[in-house]
Amino acid sequence: MALKGILSGDPSKSSKLYLAIGGISLVKAIAVRNDQERFRRELIDAGLFLGVGLALRKYSQLKAEKRSEIESQIPDWAIGMATSEPAKQGVRNLAKQRLGGRSEPEPEESLRDRAMNTFSSR
């Protein structure tokens, strides 16, 4: 799996998954301890999964610390301005401009609407 794929999403959940797989591999290694080759392979797998799980857990903690550090530096008035209704409307307007002023497609007229329009125009 690519490093970008491992780090995307929630690293805390991923770390739990890797730690669980590592634990299962460790139990499997203990179960096959009489077969030296399989024991070695399962032990290596367990070590790799546990190592990646622990690294992801540390990455998750660092990410949370950095996020809280950055959020603590933002003044309350800036947060209030960013979450206000005029700011949200401004973002919507900007998005519409960037998309070329395209609005949502209008629904097609039903057969009944076309018939009513035809008869009402005569």
N, C-alpha and C. Protein backbone atom coordinates (compact mmCIF):
# COMPACT_ATOMS: atom_id res chain seq x y z
N MET A 1 0.86 -1.18 0.00
CA MET A 1 0.00 0.00 0.00
C MET A 1 0.90 1.24 0.00
N ALA A 2 0.49 2.23 -0.78
CA ALA A 2 1.28 3.45 -0.88
C ALA A 2 1.20 4.24 0.42
N LEU A 3 2.25 4.99 0.69
CA LEU A 3 2.30 5.79 1.91
C LEU A 3 1.16 6.81 1.95
N LYS A 4 0.86 7.41 0.79
CA LYS A 4 -0.23 8.39 0.73
C LYS A 4 -1.56 7.73 1.11
N GLY A 5 -1.77 6.50 0.68
CA GLY A 5 -3.00 5.79 1.02
C GLY A 5 -3.10 5.47 2.50
N ILE A 6 -1.97 5.19 3.10
CA ILE A 6 -1.96 4.88 4.54
C ILE A 6 -2.28 6.13 5.35
N LEU A 7 -1.72 7.28 4.93
CA LEU A 7 -1.86 8.51 5.70
C LEU A 7 -3.16 9.25 5.43
N SER A 8 -3.86 8.88 4.36
CA SER A 8 -5.13 9.56 4.09
C SER A 8 -6.22 8.99 4.99
N GLY A 9 -7.27 9.74 5.16
CA GLY A 9 -8.34 9.30 6.03
C GLY A 9 -8.00 9.58 7.48
N ASP A 10 -8.53 8.78 8.36
CA ASP A 10 -8.30 8.96 9.79
C ASP A 10 -7.18 8.03 10.24
N PRO A 11 -5.98 8.56 10.51
CA PRO A 11 -4.88 7.69 10.89
C PRO A 11 -5.12 6.96 12.21
N SER A 12 -5.97 7.50 13.07
CA SER A 12 -6.26 6.84 14.34
C SER A 12 -6.98 5.52 14.09
N LYS A 13 -7.97 5.53 13.19
CA LYS A 13 -8.69 4.30 12.87
C LYS A 13 -7.78 3.31 12.15
N SER A 14 -6.96 3.81 11.24
CA SER A 14 -6.03 2.94 10.52
C SER A 14 -5.05 2.30 11.47
N SER A 15 -4.58 3.06 12.46
CA SER A 15 -3.61 2.51 13.40
C SER A 15 -4.22 1.35 14.19
N LYS A 16 -5.48 1.51 14.56
CA LYS A 16 -6.16 0.43 15.30
C LYS A 16 -6.25 -0.83 14.45
N LEU A 17 -6.54 -0.63 13.15
CA LEU A 17 -6.65 -1.77 12.25
C LEU A 17 -5.29 -2.47 12.12
N TYR A 18 -4.24 -1.71 11.91
CA TYR A 18 -2.91 -2.31 11.78
C TYR A 18 -2.47 -2.98 13.07
N LEU A 19 -2.77 -2.39 14.21
CA LEU A 19 -2.42 -3.02 15.48
C LEU A 19 -3.19 -4.32 15.68
N ALA A 20 -4.45 -4.34 15.27
CA ALA A 20 -5.25 -5.57 15.39
C ALA A 20 -4.70 -6.67 14.49
N ILE A 21 -4.35 -6.31 13.25
CA ILE A 21 -3.79 -7.31 12.34
C ILE A 21 -2.45 -7.81 12.87
N GLY A 22 -1.65 -6.90 13.42
CA GLY A 22 -0.37 -7.30 14.01
C GLY A 22 -0.57 -8.25 15.18
N GLY A 23 -1.57 -7.98 16.01
CA GLY A 23 -1.87 -8.87 17.13
C GLY A 23 -2.30 -10.25 16.67
N ILE A 24 -3.12 -10.27 15.62
CA ILE A 24 -3.55 -11.57 15.08
C ILE A 24 -2.36 -12.33 14.50
N SER A 25 -1.48 -11.63 13.80
CA SER A 25 -0.29 -12.28 13.26
C SER A 25 0.61 -12.81 14.38
N LEU A 26 0.68 -12.09 15.47
CA LEU A 26 1.47 -12.54 16.61
C LEU A 26 0.87 -13.82 17.21
N VAL A 27 -0.43 -13.86 17.32
CA VAL A 27 -1.10 -15.08 17.82
C VAL A 27 -0.86 -16.24 16.86
N LYS A 28 -0.94 -15.95 15.54
CA LYS A 28 -0.66 -17.00 14.56
C LYS A 28 0.77 -17.50 14.68
N ALA A 29 1.70 -16.59 14.92
CA ALA A 29 3.10 -16.99 15.06
C ALA A 29 3.27 -17.92 16.25
N ILE A 30 2.58 -17.61 17.34
CA ILE A 30 2.66 -18.48 18.52
C ILE A 30 2.04 -19.84 18.21
N ALA A 31 0.97 -19.84 17.41
CA ALA A 31 0.30 -21.11 17.09
C ALA A 31 1.17 -22.01 16.21
N VAL A 32 1.99 -21.44 15.37
CA VAL A 32 2.82 -22.25 14.47
C VAL A 32 4.29 -22.24 14.90
N ARG A 33 4.55 -22.10 16.17
CA ARG A 33 5.93 -21.96 16.65
C ARG A 33 6.79 -23.20 16.38
N ASN A 34 6.20 -24.34 16.12
CA ASN A 34 6.98 -25.56 15.85
C ASN A 34 7.55 -25.57 14.43
N ASP A 35 6.91 -24.85 13.51
CA ASP A 35 7.40 -24.75 12.13
C ASP A 35 8.24 -23.47 12.03
N GLN A 36 9.56 -23.64 11.99
CA GLN A 36 10.48 -22.50 12.07
C GLN A 36 10.24 -21.48 10.96
N GLU A 37 10.04 -21.94 9.72
CA GLU A 37 9.88 -21.01 8.58
C GLU A 37 8.60 -20.19 8.72
N ARG A 38 7.47 -20.85 9.00
CA ARG A 38 6.21 -20.13 9.16
C ARG A 38 6.24 -19.21 10.38
N PHE A 39 6.87 -19.67 11.45
CA PHE A 39 6.99 -18.86 12.66
C PHE A 39 7.74 -17.57 12.36
N ARG A 40 8.83 -17.69 11.60
CA ARG A 40 9.62 -16.52 11.25
C ARG A 40 8.81 -15.55 10.39
N ARG A 41 8.08 -16.08 9.39
CA ARG A 41 7.27 -15.22 8.51
C ARG A 41 6.16 -14.51 9.28
N GLU A 42 5.48 -15.26 10.13
CA GLU A 42 4.39 -14.65 10.92
C GLU A 42 4.93 -13.62 11.90
N LEU A 43 6.08 -13.88 12.46
CA LEU A 43 6.70 -12.93 13.38
C LEU A 43 7.11 -11.64 12.66
N ILE A 44 7.63 -11.79 11.45
CA ILE A 44 7.99 -10.61 10.65
C ILE A 44 6.74 -9.81 10.30
N ASP A 45 5.69 -10.53 9.85
CA ASP A 45 4.43 -9.85 9.53
C ASP A 45 3.88 -9.12 10.75
N ALA A 46 3.90 -9.78 11.89
CA ALA A 46 3.38 -9.16 13.11
C ALA A 46 4.18 -7.91 13.45
N GLY A 47 5.49 -8.01 13.34
CA GLY A 47 6.34 -6.86 13.63
C GLY A 47 6.08 -5.69 12.69
N LEU A 48 5.93 -5.99 11.41
CA LEU A 48 5.66 -4.93 10.44
C LEU A 48 4.32 -4.25 10.72
N PHE A 49 3.28 -5.04 10.92
CA PHE A 49 1.96 -4.46 11.17
C PHE A 49 1.92 -3.67 12.47
N LEU A 50 2.55 -4.22 13.50
CA LEU A 50 2.59 -3.49 14.77
C LEU A 50 3.39 -2.20 14.64
N GLY A 51 4.49 -2.26 13.89
CA GLY A 51 5.30 -1.06 13.68
C GLY A 51 4.54 0.03 12.93
N VAL A 52 3.85 -0.35 11.86
CA VAL A 52 3.05 0.62 11.10
C VAL A 52 1.91 1.16 11.97
N GLY A 53 1.29 0.30 12.75
CA GLY A 53 0.22 0.73 13.64
C GLY A 53 0.68 1.74 14.66
N LEU A 54 1.84 1.48 15.25
CA LEU A 54 2.39 2.42 16.24
C LEU A 54 2.80 3.74 15.59
N ALA A 55 3.37 3.65 14.39
CA ALA A 55 3.77 4.88 13.68
C ALA A 55 2.53 5.70 13.32
N LEU A 56 1.46 5.04 12.87
CA LEU A 56 0.22 5.76 12.55
C LEU A 56 -0.39 6.39 13.79
N ARG A 57 -0.31 5.70 14.91
CA ARG A 57 -0.84 6.26 16.16
C ARG A 57 -0.07 7.53 16.54
N LYS A 58 1.25 7.48 16.42
CA LYS A 58 2.08 8.65 16.73
C LYS A 58 1.77 9.78 15.75
N TYR A 59 1.61 9.45 14.47
CA TYR A 59 1.26 10.45 13.46
C TYR A 59 -0.09 11.09 13.77
N SER A 60 -1.04 10.29 14.21
CA SER A 60 -2.37 10.80 14.57
C SER A 60 -2.28 11.77 15.75
N GLN A 61 -1.47 11.43 16.73
CA GLN A 61 -1.30 12.31 17.89
C GLN A 61 -0.64 13.63 17.49
N LEU A 62 0.40 13.55 16.65
CA LEU A 62 1.07 14.77 16.19
C LEU A 62 0.12 15.64 15.37
N LYS A 63 -0.68 15.00 14.54
CA LYS A 63 -1.64 15.73 13.70
C LYS A 63 -2.66 16.46 14.57
N ALA A 64 -3.15 15.78 15.60
CA ALA A 64 -4.12 16.40 16.51
C ALA A 64 -3.50 17.55 17.28
N GLU A 65 -2.26 17.39 17.72
CA GLU A 65 -1.58 18.47 18.44
C GLU A 65 -1.38 19.69 17.55
N LYS A 66 -0.96 19.47 16.32
CA LYS A 66 -0.76 20.58 15.38
C LYS A 66 -2.07 21.29 15.08
N ARG A 67 -3.14 20.52 14.89
CA ARG A 67 -4.45 21.10 14.60
C ARG A 67 -4.91 21.98 15.77
N SER A 68 -4.76 21.47 16.99
CA SER A 68 -5.19 22.26 18.14
C SER A 68 -4.31 23.50 18.33
N GLU A 69 -3.02 23.36 18.01
CA GLU A 69 -2.11 24.50 18.11
C GLU A 69 -2.50 25.59 17.11
N ILE A 70 -2.81 25.20 15.90
CA ILE A 70 -3.21 26.17 14.88
C ILE A 70 -4.55 26.80 15.23
N GLU A 71 -5.50 25.97 15.69
CA GLU A 71 -6.81 26.51 16.05
C GLU A 71 -6.73 27.46 17.25
N SER A 72 -5.79 27.22 18.14
CA SER A 72 -5.67 28.11 19.30
C SER A 72 -5.11 29.47 18.91
N GLN A 73 -4.44 29.55 17.77
CA GLN A 73 -3.87 30.81 17.32
C GLN A 73 -4.88 31.68 16.57
N ILE A 74 -5.99 31.11 16.15
CA ILE A 74 -7.00 31.86 15.41
C ILE A 74 -7.89 32.59 16.40
N PRO A 75 -8.05 33.91 16.24
CA PRO A 75 -8.90 34.65 17.16
C PRO A 75 -10.38 34.24 17.02
N ASP A 76 -11.12 34.39 18.11
CA ASP A 76 -12.53 34.00 18.11
C ASP A 76 -13.34 34.80 17.11
N TRP A 77 -13.02 36.09 16.93
CA TRP A 77 -13.78 36.91 16.00
C TRP A 77 -13.60 36.42 14.56
N ALA A 78 -12.42 35.86 14.24
CA ALA A 78 -12.19 35.35 12.89
C ALA A 78 -13.00 34.08 12.66
N ILE A 79 -13.10 33.26 13.68
CA ILE A 79 -13.90 32.04 13.56
C ILE A 79 -15.36 32.42 13.38
N GLY A 80 -15.82 33.41 14.14
CA GLY A 80 -17.20 33.88 14.01
C GLY A 80 -17.50 34.43 12.62
N MET A 81 -16.54 35.15 12.07
CA MET A 81 -16.73 35.71 10.73
C MET A 81 -16.77 34.61 9.68
N ALA A 82 -15.93 33.61 9.83
CA ALA A 82 -15.85 32.54 8.83
C ALA A 82 -17.09 31.66 8.85
N THR A 83 -17.73 31.54 10.00
CA THR A 83 -18.91 30.68 10.09
C THR A 83 -20.21 31.45 10.00
N SER A 84 -20.14 32.76 9.73
CA SER A 84 -21.37 33.56 9.63
C SER A 84 -22.08 33.28 8.31
N GLU A 85 -23.36 33.62 8.26
CA GLU A 85 -24.16 33.38 7.06
C GLU A 85 -23.67 34.21 5.86
N PRO A 86 -23.31 35.50 6.03
CA PRO A 86 -22.80 36.25 4.87
C PRO A 86 -21.51 35.63 4.30
N ALA A 87 -20.67 35.09 5.15
CA ALA A 87 -19.44 34.46 4.67
C ALA A 87 -19.78 33.20 3.86
N LYS A 88 -20.72 32.41 4.34
CA LYS A 88 -21.13 31.21 3.62
C LYS A 88 -21.72 31.57 2.26
N GLN A 89 -22.54 32.64 2.23
CA GLN A 89 -23.13 33.08 0.98
C GLN A 89 -22.05 33.58 0.02
N GLY A 90 -21.05 34.27 0.55
CA GLY A 90 -19.94 34.73 -0.27
C GLY A 90 -19.18 33.57 -0.91
N VAL A 91 -18.98 32.52 -0.16
CA VAL A 91 -18.29 31.34 -0.69
C VAL A 91 -19.15 30.70 -1.78
N ARG A 92 -20.45 30.64 -1.58
CA ARG A 92 -21.34 30.08 -2.60
C ARG A 92 -21.27 30.91 -3.88
N ASN A 93 -21.31 32.24 -3.74
CA ASN A 93 -21.26 33.11 -4.91
C ASN A 93 -19.93 32.95 -5.65
N LEU A 94 -18.85 32.87 -4.90
CA LEU A 94 -17.54 32.69 -5.51
C LEU A 94 -17.47 31.36 -6.26
N ALA A 95 -18.03 30.33 -5.67
CA ALA A 95 -18.04 29.02 -6.32
C ALA A 95 -18.84 29.06 -7.62
N LYS A 96 -19.97 29.76 -7.61
CA LYS A 96 -20.77 29.89 -8.83
C LYS A 96 -20.01 30.63 -9.92
N GLN A 97 -19.27 31.67 -9.52
CA GLN A 97 -18.49 32.43 -10.49
C GLN A 97 -17.38 31.56 -11.07
N ARG A 98 -16.74 30.79 -10.22
CA ARG A 98 -15.65 29.93 -10.69
C ARG A 98 -16.16 28.84 -11.62
N LEU A 99 -17.37 28.39 -11.39
CA LEU A 99 -17.94 27.34 -12.23
C LEU A 99 -18.59 27.90 -13.49
N GLY A 100 -18.39 29.16 -13.74
CA GLY A 100 -18.91 29.75 -14.96
C GLY A 100 -20.36 30.18 -14.86
N GLY A 101 -20.84 30.41 -13.68
CA GLY A 101 -22.22 30.87 -13.52
C GLY A 101 -23.25 29.78 -13.79
N ARG A 102 -22.79 28.56 -13.91
CA ARG A 102 -23.73 27.47 -14.16
C ARG A 102 -24.55 27.22 -12.91
N SER A 103 -25.83 27.18 -13.09
CA SER A 103 -26.69 26.85 -11.96
C SER A 103 -27.14 25.41 -12.10
N GLU A 104 -27.94 24.99 -11.18
CA GLU A 104 -28.43 23.62 -11.25
C GLU A 104 -29.31 23.47 -12.47
N PRO A 105 -29.26 22.32 -13.13
CA PRO A 105 -30.08 22.14 -14.33
C PRO A 105 -31.56 22.19 -13.97
N GLU A 106 -32.30 22.85 -14.85
CA GLU A 106 -33.74 22.94 -14.60
C GLU A 106 -34.38 21.60 -14.93
N PRO A 107 -35.38 21.21 -14.15
CA PRO A 107 -36.03 19.94 -14.43
C PRO A 107 -36.82 20.04 -15.74
N GLU A 108 -36.85 18.93 -16.47
CA GLU A 108 -37.60 18.91 -17.72
C GLU A 108 -39.09 18.97 -17.44
N GLU A 109 -39.77 19.59 -18.37
CA GLU A 109 -41.22 19.67 -18.21
C GLU A 109 -41.83 18.29 -18.40
N SER A 110 -42.86 18.03 -17.62
CA SER A 110 -43.55 16.76 -17.78
C SER A 110 -44.50 16.85 -18.97
N LEU A 111 -45.02 15.74 -19.38
CA LEU A 111 -45.95 15.69 -20.50
C LEU A 111 -47.18 16.53 -20.19
N ARG A 112 -47.62 16.47 -18.96
CA ARG A 112 -48.80 17.23 -18.55
C ARG A 112 -48.54 18.74 -18.66
N ASP A 113 -47.34 19.19 -18.19
CA ASP A 113 -47.00 20.61 -18.27
C ASP A 113 -46.94 21.07 -19.72
N ARG A 114 -46.36 20.27 -20.60
CA ARG A 114 -46.29 20.66 -22.01
C ARG A 114 -47.66 20.74 -22.64
N ALA A 115 -48.53 19.80 -22.27
CA ALA A 115 -49.88 19.83 -22.82
C ALA A 115 -50.63 21.05 -22.33
N MET A 116 -50.48 21.37 -21.04
CA MET A 116 -51.16 22.56 -20.49
C MET A 116 -50.66 23.83 -21.17
N ASN A 117 -49.37 23.91 -21.39
CA ASN A 117 -48.80 25.09 -22.06
C ASN A 117 -49.30 25.20 -23.49
N THR A 118 -49.41 24.08 -24.18
CA THR A 118 -49.87 24.09 -25.57
C THR A 118 -51.32 24.58 -25.64
N PHE A 119 -52.18 24.06 -24.77
CA PHE A 119 -53.60 24.44 -24.82
C PHE A 119 -53.83 25.84 -24.26
N SER A 120 -53.02 26.27 -23.31
CA SER A 120 -53.23 27.60 -22.73
C SER A 120 -52.73 28.70 -23.66
N SER A 121 -51.81 28.41 -24.54
CA SER A 121 -51.30 29.43 -25.44
C SER A 121 -52.22 29.67 -26.63
N ARG A 122 -53.22 28.81 -26.87
CA ARG A 122 -54.15 28.98 -28.00
C ARG A 122 -55.36 29.75 -27.61
